[in-house]
Amino acid sequence: MRELLADLPVRVMSPADLGIREAPEETGVSFLENAALKARHYARRSGRIAVADDSGISVDALGGAPGLYSSRFGGEHASDDDRNRLLLERLRDVPAERRGARYTSAVVVARGDELVFQVEETAEGRIAEAPRGSNGFGYDPLFFYPPLGRTFGELPSAEKDRVSHRGKAFARLKQALPSLLEL
């Protein structure tokens, strides 16, 4: 978040910077609902405007899984490598043309209980046969982005930010943020 908002005249502070240790339970049924839960939680506890996001990857051949459970796919303590191995295992016999996937990012801004901005963006691609690249995090080495012919793991961060789900969502937030700060 700091990197995506670095060129704005705002100071991005994490919950830990503000002494907030407890995270809200993510009980929403969509990325937007979970982002809203987090934004309201942190806005109420900090007394400041709060920006929160929720994101994940949805794979067509898995009925949209891991989706909302992307960060917990394979268990609470699974590493990125563990999750990537599990995803490849589940897709072992699935041909390339059926490996469609999308990353989704929802970004929400709250002042107290009031939601003052919401956006959801996606990036469409497919799951590669094997990890490629060491950039990014999470499923990036497996997420093949056809318009650039590479996985997100192969893209430099600035290039990924221009086309990724999170990059597009934060670009829209950056356009709206000046008017949000005047509320």
C-alpha atoms as a PDB file:
ATOM      1  CA  MET A   1       0.000   0.000   0.000  1.00  0.00           C
ATOM      2  CA  ARG A   2       2.852   2.358   0.852  1.00  0.00           C
ATOM      3  CA  GLU A   3       4.476   1.695  -2.514  1.00  0.00           C
ATOM      4  CA  LEU A   4       1.240   2.149  -4.459  1.00  0.00           C
ATOM      5  CA  LEU A   5       0.503   5.479  -2.719  1.00  0.00           C
ATOM      6  CA  ALA A   6       4.111   6.691  -2.451  1.00  0.00           C
ATOM      7  CA  ASP A   7       3.713   9.636  -4.826  1.00  0.00           C
ATOM      8  CA  LEU A   8       0.802  11.165  -2.893  1.00  0.00           C
ATOM      9  CA  PRO A   9       1.189  13.747  -0.112  1.00  0.00           C
ATOM     10  CA  VAL A  10      -0.174  11.363   2.522  1.00  0.00           C
ATOM     11  CA  ARG A  11       1.460   9.356   5.270  1.00  0.00           C
ATOM     12  CA  VAL A  12       0.496   5.700   5.093  1.00  0.00           C
ATOM     13  CA  MET A  13       0.471   4.104   8.523  1.00  0.00           C
ATOM     14  CA  SER A  14      -0.102   0.451   9.296  1.00  0.00           C
ATOM     15  CA  PRO A  15      -2.343  -0.732  12.126  1.00  0.00           C
ATOM     16  CA  ALA A  16       0.822  -1.686  14.039  1.00  0.00           C
ATOM     17  CA  ASP A  17       2.142   1.890  13.616  1.00  0.00           C
ATOM     18  CA  LEU A  18      -0.990   3.025  15.456  1.00  0.00           C
ATOM     19  CA  GLY A  19      -0.800   0.368  18.152  1.00  0.00           C
ATOM     20  CA  ILE A  20      -3.697  -1.642  16.752  1.00  0.00           C
ATOM     21  CA  ARG A  21      -2.850  -5.306  17.153  1.00  0.00           C
ATOM     22  CA  GLU A  22      -6.155  -7.087  16.583  1.00  0.00           C
ATOM     23  CA  ALA A  23      -7.423  -7.666  13.061  1.00  0.00           C
ATOM     24  CA  PRO A  24     -11.110  -8.098  12.347  1.00  0.00           C
ATOM     25  CA  GLU A  25     -12.501 -11.497  11.512  1.00  0.00           C
ATOM     26  CA  GLU A  26     -13.036 -11.702   7.752  1.00  0.00           C
ATOM     27  CA  THR A  27     -16.608 -12.980   7.665  1.00  0.00           C
ATOM     28  CA  GLY A  28     -17.719 -11.346   4.418  1.00  0.00           C
ATOM     29  CA  VAL A  29     -18.925 -13.334   1.435  1.00  0.00           C
ATOM     30  CA  SER A  30     -17.064 -11.158  -1.084  1.00  0.00           C
ATOM     31  CA  PHE A  31     -13.761  -9.334  -1.375  1.00  0.00           C
ATOM     32  CA  LEU A  32     -15.627  -6.008  -1.048  1.00  0.00           C
ATOM     33  CA  GLU A  33     -17.357  -7.102   2.161  1.00  0.00           C
ATOM     34  CA  ASN A  34     -14.075  -8.212   3.737  1.00  0.00           C
ATOM     35  CA  ALA A  35     -12.329  -4.984   2.712  1.00  0.00           C
ATOM     36  CA  ALA A  36     -15.225  -3.002   4.227  1.00  0.00           C
ATOM     37  CA  LEU A  37     -15.013  -4.969   7.483  1.00  0.00           C
ATOM     38  CA  LYS A  38     -11.300  -4.182   7.725  1.00  0.00           C
ATOM     39  CA  ALA A  39     -11.671  -0.508   6.742  1.00  0.00           C
ATOM     40  CA  ARG A  40     -14.402   0.126   9.328  1.00  0.00           C
ATOM     41  CA  HIS A  41     -12.491  -1.783  12.010  1.00  0.00           C
ATOM     42  CA  TYR A  42      -9.307   0.236  11.531  1.00  0.00           C
ATOM     43  CA  ALA A  43     -11.124   3.556  11.078  1.00  0.00           C
ATOM     44  CA  ARG A  44     -13.038   3.102  14.342  1.00  0.00           C
ATOM     45  CA  ARG A  45      -9.965   2.048  16.303  1.00  0.00           C
ATOM     46  CA  SER A  46      -7.654   4.706  14.891  1.00  0.00           C
ATOM     47  CA  GLY A  47     -10.038   7.655  14.634  1.00  0.00           C
ATOM     48  CA  ARG A  48      -8.544   8.262  11.168  1.00  0.00           C
ATOM     49  CA  ILE A  49      -9.506   7.618   7.594  1.00  0.00           C
ATOM     50  CA  ALA A  50      -8.678   3.971   6.866  1.00  0.00           C
ATOM     51  CA  VAL A  51      -7.897   2.251   3.589  1.00  0.00           C
ATOM     52  CA  ALA A  52      -8.205  -1.524   3.454  1.00  0.00           C
ATOM     53  CA  ASP A  53      -8.014  -4.066   0.715  1.00  0.00           C
ATOM     54  CA  ASP A  54      -8.905  -7.682   0.278  1.00  0.00           C
ATOM     55  CA  SER A  55      -7.741  -9.734  -2.627  1.00  0.00           C
ATOM     56  CA  GLY A  56      -7.314 -13.232  -3.901  1.00  0.00           C
ATOM     57  CA  ILE A  57      -7.151 -15.528  -6.874  1.00  0.00           C
ATOM     58  CA  SER A  58     -10.078 -17.455  -8.301  1.00  0.00           C
ATOM     59  CA  VAL A  59      -9.467 -20.431 -10.580  1.00  0.00           C
ATOM     60  CA  ASP A  60     -12.216 -21.475 -12.973  1.00  0.00           C
ATOM     61  CA  ALA A  61     -11.361 -25.217 -12.935  1.00  0.00           C
ATOM     62  CA  LEU A  62     -11.670 -25.152  -9.118  1.00  0.00           C
ATOM     63  CA  GLY A  63     -15.102 -23.536  -9.106  1.00  0.00           C
ATOM     64  CA  GLY A  64     -13.596 -20.161  -8.122  1.00  0.00           C
ATOM     65  CA  ALA A  65     -11.373 -21.514  -5.336  1.00  0.00           C
ATOM     66  CA  PRO A  66      -9.330 -20.523  -3.506  1.00  0.00           C
ATOM     67  CA  GLY A  67     -11.096 -17.130  -3.836  1.00  0.00           C
ATOM     68  CA  LEU A  68     -11.747 -15.530  -0.453  1.00  0.00           C
ATOM     69  CA  TYR A  69      -9.543 -18.188   1.136  1.00  0.00           C
ATOM     70  CA  SER A  70      -6.472 -17.511  -1.033  1.00  0.00           C
ATOM     71  CA  SER A  71      -4.212 -16.638   1.899  1.00  0.00           C
ATOM     72  CA  ARG A  72      -5.439 -19.671   3.881  1.00  0.00           C
ATOM     73  CA  PHE A  73      -5.402 -22.174   0.992  1.00  0.00           C
ATOM     74  CA  GLY A  74      -3.539 -25.198   2.334  1.00  0.00           C
ATOM     75  CA  GLY A  75      -3.986 -24.152   5.959  1.00  0.00           C
ATOM     76  CA  GLU A  76      -3.303 -21.166   8.200  1.00  0.00           C
ATOM     77  CA  HIS A  77       0.452 -21.777   8.329  1.00  0.00           C
ATOM     78  CA  ALA A  78       1.022 -22.685   4.662  1.00  0.00           C
ATOM     79  CA  SER A  79       3.719 -20.670   2.888  1.00  0.00           C
ATOM     80  CA  ASP A  80       3.397 -19.148  -0.575  1.00  0.00           C
ATOM     81  CA  ASP A  81       5.350 -22.119  -1.922  1.00  0.00           C
ATOM     82  CA  ASP A  82       3.018 -24.545  -0.128  1.00  0.00           C
ATOM     83  CA  ARG A  83      -0.055 -22.841  -1.598  1.00  0.00           C
ATOM     84  CA  ASN A  84       1.461 -22.785  -5.085  1.00  0.00           C
ATOM     85  CA  ARG A  85       2.338 -26.507  -4.889  1.00  0.00           C
ATOM     86  CA  LEU A  86      -1.188 -27.307  -3.729  1.00  0.00           C
ATOM     87  CA  LEU A  87      -2.721 -25.273  -6.554  1.00  0.00           C
ATOM     88  CA  LEU A  88      -0.551 -27.050  -9.135  1.00  0.00           C
ATOM     89  CA  GLU A  89      -1.448 -30.410  -7.590  1.00  0.00           C
ATOM     90  CA  ARG A  90      -5.170 -29.641  -7.850  1.00  0.00           C
ATOM     91  CA  LEU A  91      -4.684 -28.620 -11.499  1.00  0.00           C
ATOM     92  CA  ARG A  92      -2.303 -31.462 -12.427  1.00  0.00           C
ATOM     93  CA  ASP A  93      -4.509 -32.981 -15.141  1.00  0.00           C
ATOM     94  CA  VAL A  94      -6.233 -29.762 -16.225  1.00  0.00           C
ATOM     95  CA  PRO A  95      -5.218 -28.598 -19.723  1.00  0.00           C
ATOM     96  CA  ALA A  96      -4.000 -25.015 -20.298  1.00  0.00           C
ATOM     97  CA  GLU A  97      -7.236 -23.920 -21.965  1.00  0.00           C
ATOM     98  CA  ARG A  98      -9.176 -24.774 -18.778  1.00  0.00           C
ATOM     99  CA  ARG A  99      -6.799 -23.035 -16.345  1.00  0.00           C
ATOM    100  CA  GLY A 100      -8.499 -19.644 -16.524  1.00  0.00           C
ATOM    101  CA  ALA A 101      -8.028 -17.521 -13.408  1.00  0.00           C
ATOM    102  CA  ARG A 102      -8.490 -14.013 -12.168  1.00  0.00           C
ATOM    103  CA  TYR A 103      -6.999 -11.965  -9.434  1.00  0.00           C
ATOM    104  CA  THR A 104      -9.462  -9.671  -7.656  1.00  0.00           C
ATOM    105  CA  SER A 105      -8.672  -6.696  -5.439  1.00  0.00           C
ATOM    106  CA  ALA A 106     -11.263  -4.728  -3.485  1.00  0.00           C
ATOM    107  CA  VAL A 107     -10.222  -1.426  -1.905  1.00  0.00           C
ATOM    108  CA  VAL A 108     -12.448   0.382   0.584  1.00  0.00           C
ATOM    109  CA  VAL A 109     -12.004   3.653   2.462  1.00  0.00           C
ATOM    110  CA  ALA A 110     -13.856   4.303   5.714  1.00  0.00           C
ATOM    111  CA  ARG A 111     -14.292   7.195   8.132  1.00  0.00           C
ATOM    112  CA  GLY A 112     -15.616   5.604  11.289  1.00  0.00           C
ATOM    113  CA  ASP A 113     -18.525   3.437  10.173  1.00  0.00           C
ATOM    114  CA  GLU A 114     -19.081   5.356   6.937  1.00  0.00           C
ATOM    115  CA  LEU A 115     -17.733   3.863   3.718  1.00  0.00           C
ATOM    116  CA  VAL A 116     -16.630   6.759   1.524  1.00  0.00           C
ATOM    117  CA  PHE A 117     -15.014   4.833  -1.352  1.00  0.00           C
ATOM    118  CA  GLN A 118     -15.243   1.318  -2.760  1.00  0.00           C
ATOM    119  CA  VAL A 119     -13.708  -0.216  -5.871  1.00  0.00           C
ATOM    120  CA  GLU A 120     -13.067  -3.705  -7.169  1.00  0.00           C
ATOM    121  CA  GLU A 121     -10.699  -4.545 -10.027  1.00  0.00           C
ATOM    122  CA  THR A 122      -9.574  -7.776 -11.650  1.00  0.00           C
ATOM    123  CA  ALA A 123      -6.740  -9.097 -13.781  1.00  0.00           C
ATOM    124  CA  GLU A 124      -7.588 -11.997 -16.073  1.00  0.00           C
ATOM    125  CA  GLY A 125      -5.108 -14.738 -16.852  1.00  0.00           C
ATOM    126  CA  ARG A 126      -4.459 -18.412 -16.358  1.00  0.00           C
ATOM    127  CA  ILE A 127      -2.470 -20.689 -14.084  1.00  0.00           C
ATOM    128  CA  ALA A 128       0.883 -21.696 -15.580  1.00  0.00           C
ATOM    129  CA  GLU A 129       2.121 -25.302 -15.561  1.00  0.00           C
ATOM    130  CA  ALA A 130       5.022 -24.376 -13.255  1.00  0.00           C
ATOM    131  CA  PRO A 131       6.208 -21.313 -11.306  1.00  0.00           C
ATOM    132  CA  ARG A 132       8.060 -18.691 -13.340  1.00  0.00           C
ATOM    133  CA  GLY A 133       9.848 -15.668 -11.911  1.00  0.00           C
ATOM    134  CA  SER A 134      10.767 -14.593  -8.416  1.00  0.00           C
ATOM    135  CA  ASN A 135       9.139 -11.160  -8.282  1.00  0.00           C
ATOM    136  CA  GLY A 136       5.946 -10.394  -6.425  1.00  0.00           C
ATOM    137  CA  PHE A 137       4.464 -12.727  -3.845  1.00  0.00           C
ATOM    138  CA  GLY A 138       1.721 -15.267  -3.341  1.00  0.00           C
ATOM    139  CA  TYR A 139       0.494 -16.823  -6.557  1.00  0.00           C
ATOM    140  CA  ASP A 140       2.388 -14.371  -8.817  1.00  0.00           C
ATOM    141  CA  PRO A 141       4.853 -16.976 -10.176  1.00  0.00           C
ATOM    142  CA  LEU A 142       1.864 -19.077 -11.343  1.00  0.00           C
ATOM    143  CA  PHE A 143      -0.388 -16.301 -12.668  1.00  0.00           C
ATOM    144  CA  PHE A 144       0.254 -16.066 -16.419  1.00  0.00           C
ATOM    145  CA  TYR A 145      -0.911 -12.750 -17.880  1.00  0.00           C
ATOM    146  CA  PRO A 146      -1.521 -13.256 -21.639  1.00  0.00           C
ATOM    147  CA  PRO A 147      -1.304  -9.597 -22.768  1.00  0.00           C
ATOM    148  CA  LEU A 148       2.337  -9.493 -21.611  1.00  0.00           C
ATOM    149  CA  GLY A 149       3.143 -13.164 -22.180  1.00  0.00           C
ATOM    150  CA  ARG A 150       4.645 -13.557 -18.703  1.00  0.00           C
ATOM    151  CA  THR A 151       3.645 -14.467 -15.177  1.00  0.00           C
ATOM    152  CA  PHE A 152       3.271 -11.727 -12.593  1.00  0.00           C
ATOM    153  CA  GLY A 153       6.336 -13.293 -10.965  1.00  0.00           C
ATOM    154  CA  GLU A 154       8.359 -12.375 -14.067  1.00  0.00           C
ATOM    155  CA  LEU A 155       7.250  -8.727 -14.144  1.00  0.00           C
ATOM    156  CA  PRO A 156       9.126  -5.866 -12.495  1.00  0.00           C
ATOM    157  CA  SER A 157       6.888  -4.335  -9.816  1.00  0.00           C
ATOM    158  CA  ALA A 158       6.243  -1.087 -11.744  1.00  0.00           C
ATOM    159  CA  GLU A 159       5.078  -3.027 -14.801  1.00  0.00           C
ATOM    160  CA  LYS A 160       2.925  -5.346 -12.675  1.00  0.00           C
ATOM    161  CA  ASP A 161       1.363  -2.361 -10.868  1.00  0.00           C
ATOM    162  CA  ARG A 162       0.131  -0.965 -14.199  1.00  0.00           C
ATOM    163  CA  VAL A 163      -1.836  -4.115 -15.069  1.00  0.00           C
ATOM    164  CA  SER A 164      -2.542  -5.957 -11.838  1.00  0.00           C
ATOM    165  CA  HIS A 165      -5.819  -6.094  -9.966  1.00  0.00           C
ATOM    166  CA  ARG A 166      -4.326  -4.245  -6.991  1.00  0.00           C
ATOM    167  CA  GLY A 167      -2.479  -1.714  -9.132  1.00  0.00           C
ATOM    168  CA  LYS A 168      -5.668  -0.822 -11.016  1.00  0.00           C
ATOM    169  CA  ALA A 169      -7.726  -0.581  -7.808  1.00  0.00           C
ATOM    170  CA  PHE A 170      -5.168   1.696  -6.157  1.00  0.00           C
ATOM    171  CA  ALA A 171      -4.907   3.833  -9.311  1.00  0.00           C
ATOM    172  CA  ARG A 172      -8.645   4.487  -8.974  1.00  0.00           C
ATOM    173  CA  LEU A 173      -8.216   5.234  -5.268  1.00  0.00           C
ATOM    174  CA  LYS A 174      -5.437   7.710  -6.060  1.00  0.00           C
ATOM    175  CA  GLN A 175      -7.791   9.575  -8.403  1.00  0.00           C
ATOM    176  CA  ALA A 176     -10.465   9.798  -5.692  1.00  0.00           C
ATOM    177  CA  LEU A 177      -8.250  10.367  -2.656  1.00  0.00           C
ATOM    178  CA  PRO A 178      -7.874  14.185  -2.907  1.00  0.00           C
ATOM    179  CA  SER A 179     -11.645  14.659  -2.694  1.00  0.00           C
ATOM    180  CA  LEU A 180     -11.929  12.028   0.049  1.00  0.00           C
ATOM    181  CA  LEU A 181      -9.397  13.860   2.193  1.00  0.00           C
ATOM    182  CA  GLU A 182     -11.488  17.049   1.961  1.00  0.00           C
ATOM    183  CA  LEU A 183     -14.616  15.365   3.410  1.00  0.00           C
END
